[in-house]
Amino acid sequence: MKIVKGKTSIETRYYISSLPDDAQKIGESVRSHWGIENSLHWVLDVGFREDDFRIRKDNAPQNFAIIRHISLNLLNPEKTSKTGAKNKRLRAGCDDDYLTKILAVSVN
């Protein structure tokens, strides 16, 4: 149920799950899934400006999405820099030693 400008609306969502009929457990699972999903999309949007990409032809959108996911997976394990993915990405683009360090972390 949602109340906006004094009006109440009820939204129904349907899920397919093998969980037992336990509303509490199902609610926690759904919220947990969307929390992870939303944080990933936030990082991709802020760190990689994914929403600004205007690549629309053929397989290019999917190919670039895969490249962004791979890049994020390479940046995440690097813990010496306490900055976000955006700054790590920019630093790797300017500093070959840092780029080598990121690529070496992923090999180990």
N, C-alpha and C. Protein backbone atom coordinates (compact mmCIF):
# COMPACT_ATOMS: atom_id res chain seq x y z
N MET A 1 0.85 -1.17 0.00
CA MET A 1 0.00 0.00 0.00
C MET A 1 0.89 1.23 0.00
N LYS A 2 0.52 2.23 -0.79
CA LYS A 2 1.29 3.45 -0.90
C LYS A 2 0.32 4.63 -0.82
N ILE A 3 0.72 5.67 -0.07
CA ILE A 3 -0.10 6.87 0.04
C ILE A 3 0.68 8.03 -0.57
N VAL A 4 0.12 8.62 -1.62
CA VAL A 4 0.73 9.76 -2.30
C VAL A 4 -0.30 10.86 -2.43
N LYS A 5 0.02 12.02 -1.90
CA LYS A 5 -0.88 13.18 -1.95
C LYS A 5 -2.27 12.83 -1.41
N GLY A 6 -2.29 12.09 -0.33
CA GLY A 6 -3.55 11.75 0.32
C GLY A 6 -4.33 10.62 -0.33
N LYS A 7 -3.85 10.11 -1.46
CA LYS A 7 -4.54 9.01 -2.14
C LYS A 7 -3.80 7.71 -1.86
N THR A 8 -4.56 6.68 -1.55
CA THR A 8 -4.01 5.38 -1.26
C THR A 8 -4.08 4.50 -2.49
N SER A 9 -2.97 3.83 -2.78
CA SER A 9 -2.97 2.89 -3.90
C SER A 9 -2.39 1.57 -3.40
N ILE A 10 -2.88 0.51 -3.94
CA ILE A 10 -2.41 -0.82 -3.60
C ILE A 10 -1.83 -1.44 -4.86
N GLU A 11 -0.61 -1.95 -4.74
CA GLU A 11 0.05 -2.59 -5.87
C GLU A 11 0.18 -4.08 -5.58
N THR A 12 -0.03 -4.89 -6.58
CA THR A 12 0.11 -6.33 -6.45
C THR A 12 1.25 -6.78 -7.34
N ARG A 13 2.12 -7.57 -6.77
CA ARG A 13 3.24 -8.12 -7.54
C ARG A 13 3.20 -9.63 -7.41
N TYR A 14 3.52 -10.32 -8.48
CA TYR A 14 3.49 -11.77 -8.49
C TYR A 14 4.90 -12.31 -8.65
N TYR A 15 5.24 -13.33 -7.89
CA TYR A 15 6.55 -13.96 -7.95
C TYR A 15 6.38 -15.46 -8.04
N ILE A 16 7.30 -16.09 -8.71
CA ILE A 16 7.34 -17.55 -8.75
C ILE A 16 8.50 -17.95 -7.85
N SER A 17 8.20 -18.81 -6.89
CA SER A 17 9.22 -19.19 -5.92
C SER A 17 8.96 -20.59 -5.40
N SER A 18 10.03 -21.22 -4.94
CA SER A 18 9.90 -22.53 -4.31
C SER A 18 9.87 -22.40 -2.78
N LEU A 19 9.85 -21.17 -2.28
CA LEU A 19 9.78 -20.95 -0.83
C LEU A 19 8.44 -21.42 -0.29
N PRO A 20 8.43 -21.87 0.97
CA PRO A 20 7.15 -22.25 1.57
C PRO A 20 6.27 -21.02 1.76
N ASP A 21 4.97 -21.24 1.99
CA ASP A 21 4.02 -20.14 2.15
C ASP A 21 4.25 -19.42 3.47
N ASP A 22 5.25 -18.56 3.50
CA ASP A 22 5.59 -17.78 4.70
C ASP A 22 5.81 -16.34 4.23
N ALA A 23 4.81 -15.49 4.46
CA ALA A 23 4.86 -14.11 3.96
C ALA A 23 6.11 -13.38 4.45
N GLN A 24 6.48 -13.58 5.69
CA GLN A 24 7.66 -12.91 6.25
C GLN A 24 8.92 -13.30 5.47
N LYS A 25 9.11 -14.59 5.25
CA LYS A 25 10.29 -15.09 4.55
C LYS A 25 10.29 -14.64 3.08
N ILE A 26 9.16 -14.70 2.45
CA ILE A 26 9.06 -14.26 1.05
C ILE A 26 9.37 -12.77 0.94
N GLY A 27 8.79 -11.97 1.86
CA GLY A 27 9.05 -10.53 1.84
C GLY A 27 10.52 -10.21 2.02
N GLU A 28 11.18 -10.90 2.95
CA GLU A 28 12.62 -10.69 3.17
C GLU A 28 13.43 -11.06 1.94
N SER A 29 13.08 -12.17 1.31
CA SER A 29 13.80 -12.61 0.11
C SER A 29 13.66 -11.61 -1.04
N VAL A 30 12.44 -11.12 -1.24
CA VAL A 30 12.20 -10.16 -2.32
C VAL A 30 12.96 -8.86 -2.05
N ARG A 31 12.88 -8.35 -0.81
CA ARG A 31 13.59 -7.10 -0.47
C ARG A 31 15.09 -7.27 -0.59
N SER A 32 15.60 -8.43 -0.17
CA SER A 32 17.03 -8.70 -0.27
C SER A 32 17.48 -8.71 -1.73
N HIS A 33 16.71 -9.40 -2.58
CA HIS A 33 17.04 -9.46 -4.00
C HIS A 33 17.07 -8.06 -4.61
N TRP A 34 16.04 -7.26 -4.35
CA TRP A 34 15.97 -5.94 -4.96
C TRP A 34 17.00 -4.99 -4.37
N GLY A 35 17.40 -5.20 -3.12
CA GLY A 35 18.48 -4.38 -2.53
C GLY A 35 19.78 -4.59 -3.27
N ILE A 36 20.09 -5.85 -3.55
CA ILE A 36 21.31 -6.18 -4.30
C ILE A 36 21.19 -5.65 -5.72
N GLU A 37 20.07 -5.89 -6.35
CA GLU A 37 19.85 -5.46 -7.73
C GLU A 37 19.96 -3.94 -7.85
N ASN A 38 19.33 -3.22 -6.94
CA ASN A 38 19.35 -1.75 -6.99
C ASN A 38 20.74 -1.20 -6.74
N SER A 39 21.51 -1.81 -5.84
CA SER A 39 22.86 -1.31 -5.58
C SER A 39 23.75 -1.52 -6.79
N LEU A 40 23.59 -2.65 -7.49
CA LEU A 40 24.37 -2.90 -8.70
C LEU A 40 24.03 -1.86 -9.76
N HIS A 41 22.75 -1.61 -9.97
CA HIS A 41 22.35 -0.64 -10.98
C HIS A 41 22.81 0.76 -10.61
N TRP A 42 22.82 1.08 -9.33
CA TRP A 42 23.28 2.40 -8.89
C TRP A 42 24.75 2.56 -9.23
N VAL A 43 25.57 1.53 -8.94
CA VAL A 43 27.00 1.60 -9.23
C VAL A 43 27.23 1.72 -10.73
N LEU A 44 26.49 0.95 -11.51
CA LEU A 44 26.66 1.03 -12.96
C LEU A 44 26.23 2.39 -13.50
N ASP A 45 25.19 2.96 -12.93
CA ASP A 45 24.73 4.26 -13.40
C ASP A 45 25.67 5.38 -12.97
N VAL A 46 26.08 5.39 -11.73
CA VAL A 46 26.93 6.47 -11.22
C VAL A 46 28.38 6.28 -11.65
N GLY A 47 28.90 5.07 -11.48
CA GLY A 47 30.31 4.81 -11.78
C GLY A 47 30.62 4.70 -13.25
N PHE A 48 29.67 4.22 -14.02
CA PHE A 48 29.91 3.99 -15.44
C PHE A 48 28.99 4.81 -16.33
N ARG A 49 28.11 5.59 -15.73
CA ARG A 49 27.15 6.42 -16.46
C ARG A 49 26.37 5.60 -17.49
N GLU A 50 25.95 4.43 -17.08
CA GLU A 50 25.28 3.49 -17.98
C GLU A 50 24.02 4.08 -18.62
N ASP A 51 23.27 4.87 -17.86
CA ASP A 51 22.04 5.44 -18.41
C ASP A 51 22.29 6.46 -19.51
N ASP A 52 23.51 6.99 -19.58
CA ASP A 52 23.84 7.99 -20.60
C ASP A 52 24.29 7.37 -21.93
N PHE A 53 24.52 6.06 -21.95
CA PHE A 53 24.97 5.42 -23.19
C PHE A 53 23.85 5.44 -24.21
N ARG A 54 24.18 5.78 -25.43
CA ARG A 54 23.19 5.85 -26.50
C ARG A 54 23.46 4.81 -27.58
N ILE A 55 24.09 3.73 -27.17
CA ILE A 55 24.38 2.65 -28.09
C ILE A 55 23.13 1.79 -28.20
N ARG A 56 22.55 1.69 -29.38
CA ARG A 56 21.26 1.03 -29.51
C ARG A 56 21.21 -0.02 -30.63
N LYS A 57 22.25 -0.14 -31.42
CA LYS A 57 22.16 -0.96 -32.62
C LYS A 57 22.68 -2.38 -32.40
N ASP A 58 21.93 -3.33 -32.92
CA ASP A 58 22.30 -4.75 -32.95
C ASP A 58 22.65 -5.27 -31.55
N ASN A 59 23.79 -5.93 -31.44
CA ASN A 59 24.21 -6.52 -30.17
C ASN A 59 25.05 -5.58 -29.31
N ALA A 60 25.31 -4.39 -29.79
CA ALA A 60 26.20 -3.47 -29.08
C ALA A 60 25.76 -3.18 -27.64
N PRO A 61 24.46 -2.93 -27.37
CA PRO A 61 24.08 -2.65 -25.98
C PRO A 61 24.43 -3.80 -25.02
N GLN A 62 24.15 -5.04 -25.44
CA GLN A 62 24.46 -6.18 -24.59
C GLN A 62 25.97 -6.37 -24.44
N ASN A 63 26.71 -6.16 -25.52
CA ASN A 63 28.17 -6.31 -25.48
C ASN A 63 28.79 -5.30 -24.52
N PHE A 64 28.35 -4.05 -24.60
CA PHE A 64 28.90 -3.03 -23.71
C PHE A 64 28.47 -3.25 -22.26
N ALA A 65 27.27 -3.76 -22.05
CA ALA A 65 26.82 -4.09 -20.69
C ALA A 65 27.72 -5.17 -20.08
N ILE A 66 28.07 -6.15 -20.88
CA ILE A 66 28.96 -7.22 -20.40
C ILE A 66 30.34 -6.64 -20.08
N ILE A 67 30.83 -5.77 -20.92
CA ILE A 67 32.14 -5.14 -20.66
C ILE A 67 32.10 -4.33 -19.37
N ARG A 68 31.01 -3.60 -19.12
CA ARG A 68 30.89 -2.83 -17.88
C ARG A 68 30.84 -3.75 -16.66
N HIS A 69 30.11 -4.87 -16.77
CA HIS A 69 30.05 -5.82 -15.65
C HIS A 69 31.41 -6.44 -15.38
N ILE A 70 32.14 -6.80 -16.43
CA ILE A 70 33.48 -7.35 -16.26
C ILE A 70 34.38 -6.31 -15.60
N SER A 71 34.29 -5.08 -16.06
CA SER A 71 35.11 -4.01 -15.47
C SER A 71 34.80 -3.84 -14.00
N LEU A 72 33.54 -3.83 -13.64
CA LEU A 72 33.14 -3.69 -12.24
C LEU A 72 33.67 -4.85 -11.42
N ASN A 73 33.59 -6.06 -11.96
CA ASN A 73 34.09 -7.24 -11.25
C ASN A 73 35.60 -7.21 -11.09
N LEU A 74 36.31 -6.54 -12.00
CA LEU A 74 37.75 -6.38 -11.86
C LEU A 74 38.10 -5.30 -10.83
N LEU A 75 37.28 -4.25 -10.77
CA LEU A 75 37.55 -3.14 -9.85
C LEU A 75 37.20 -3.47 -8.40
N ASN A 76 36.17 -4.25 -8.17
CA ASN A 76 35.70 -4.51 -6.81
C ASN A 76 36.73 -5.14 -5.88
N PRO A 77 37.51 -6.14 -6.32
CA PRO A 77 38.46 -6.76 -5.37
C PRO A 77 39.62 -5.84 -4.97
N GLU A 78 39.90 -4.81 -5.73
CA GLU A 78 41.02 -3.91 -5.45
C GLU A 78 40.67 -3.05 -4.24
N LYS A 79 41.35 -3.29 -3.11
CA LYS A 79 40.98 -2.64 -1.85
C LYS A 79 41.99 -1.61 -1.37
N THR A 80 43.12 -1.42 -2.06
CA THR A 80 44.10 -0.44 -1.58
C THR A 80 43.59 0.99 -1.74
N SER A 81 42.75 1.21 -2.72
CA SER A 81 42.15 2.52 -2.92
C SER A 81 40.76 2.50 -2.32
N LYS A 82 40.49 3.42 -1.40
CA LYS A 82 39.20 3.45 -0.71
C LYS A 82 38.19 4.32 -1.45
N THR A 83 38.29 4.35 -2.76
CA THR A 83 37.37 5.15 -3.56
C THR A 83 36.36 4.24 -4.25
N GLY A 84 35.39 4.83 -4.89
CA GLY A 84 34.36 4.07 -5.59
C GLY A 84 34.82 3.61 -6.95
N ALA A 85 33.94 2.89 -7.60
CA ALA A 85 34.24 2.32 -8.91
C ALA A 85 34.56 3.40 -9.93
N LYS A 86 33.87 4.53 -9.87
CA LYS A 86 34.10 5.60 -10.83
C LYS A 86 35.54 6.10 -10.75
N ASN A 87 36.01 6.40 -9.55
CA ASN A 87 37.37 6.91 -9.39
C ASN A 87 38.42 5.84 -9.68
N LYS A 88 38.14 4.61 -9.30
CA LYS A 88 39.07 3.52 -9.62
C LYS A 88 39.20 3.37 -11.13
N ARG A 89 38.08 3.45 -11.82
CA ARG A 89 38.08 3.32 -13.28
C ARG A 89 38.87 4.45 -13.93
N LEU A 90 38.63 5.66 -13.46
CA LEU A 90 39.35 6.80 -14.03
C LEU A 90 40.84 6.72 -13.73
N ARG A 91 41.18 6.29 -12.51
CA ARG A 91 42.60 6.16 -12.16
C ARG A 91 43.26 5.09 -13.02
N ALA A 92 42.58 3.97 -13.23
CA ALA A 92 43.14 2.89 -14.06
C ALA A 92 43.36 3.37 -15.50
N GLY A 93 42.52 4.29 -15.95
CA GLY A 93 42.68 4.83 -17.30
C GLY A 93 43.87 5.76 -17.44
N CYS A 94 44.32 6.33 -16.33
CA CYS A 94 45.42 7.29 -16.36
C CYS A 94 46.73 6.72 -15.83
N ASP A 95 46.66 5.65 -15.05
CA ASP A 95 47.83 5.13 -14.36
C ASP A 95 48.02 3.66 -14.75
N ASP A 96 49.01 3.40 -15.59
CA ASP A 96 49.24 2.03 -16.06
C ASP A 96 49.61 1.08 -14.92
N ASP A 97 50.34 1.58 -13.92
CA ASP A 97 50.70 0.72 -12.78
C ASP A 97 49.44 0.29 -12.01
N TYR A 98 48.53 1.21 -11.82
CA TYR A 98 47.29 0.90 -11.12
C TYR A 98 46.45 -0.08 -11.94
N LEU A 99 46.40 0.12 -13.24
CA LEU A 99 45.68 -0.80 -14.13
C LEU A 99 46.27 -2.20 -14.04
N THR A 100 47.60 -2.28 -14.05
CA THR A 100 48.27 -3.58 -13.91
C THR A 100 47.92 -4.23 -12.58
N LYS A 101 47.86 -3.42 -11.53
CA LYS A 101 47.51 -3.92 -10.20
C LYS A 101 46.07 -4.49 -10.21
N ILE A 102 45.15 -3.81 -10.83
CA ILE A 102 43.76 -4.28 -10.90
C ILE A 102 43.69 -5.58 -11.69
N LEU A 103 44.39 -5.65 -12.79
CA LEU A 103 44.36 -6.86 -13.61
C LEU A 103 45.06 -8.01 -12.90
N ALA A 104 46.13 -7.72 -12.13
CA ALA A 104 46.84 -8.75 -11.39
C ALA A 104 45.99 -9.29 -10.25
N VAL A 105 45.21 -8.44 -9.60
CA VAL A 105 44.35 -8.87 -8.50
C VAL A 105 43.35 -9.88 -9.02
N SER A 106 42.83 -9.67 -10.22
CA SER A 106 41.81 -10.56 -10.77
C SER A 106 42.39 -11.91 -11.17
N VAL A 107 43.69 -11.98 -11.45
CA VAL A 107 44.31 -13.23 -11.87
C VAL A 107 44.51 -14.14 -10.66
N ASN A 108 44.83 -13.55 -9.53
CA ASN A 108 45.13 -14.35 -8.33
C ASN A 108 43.94 -15.00 -7.74
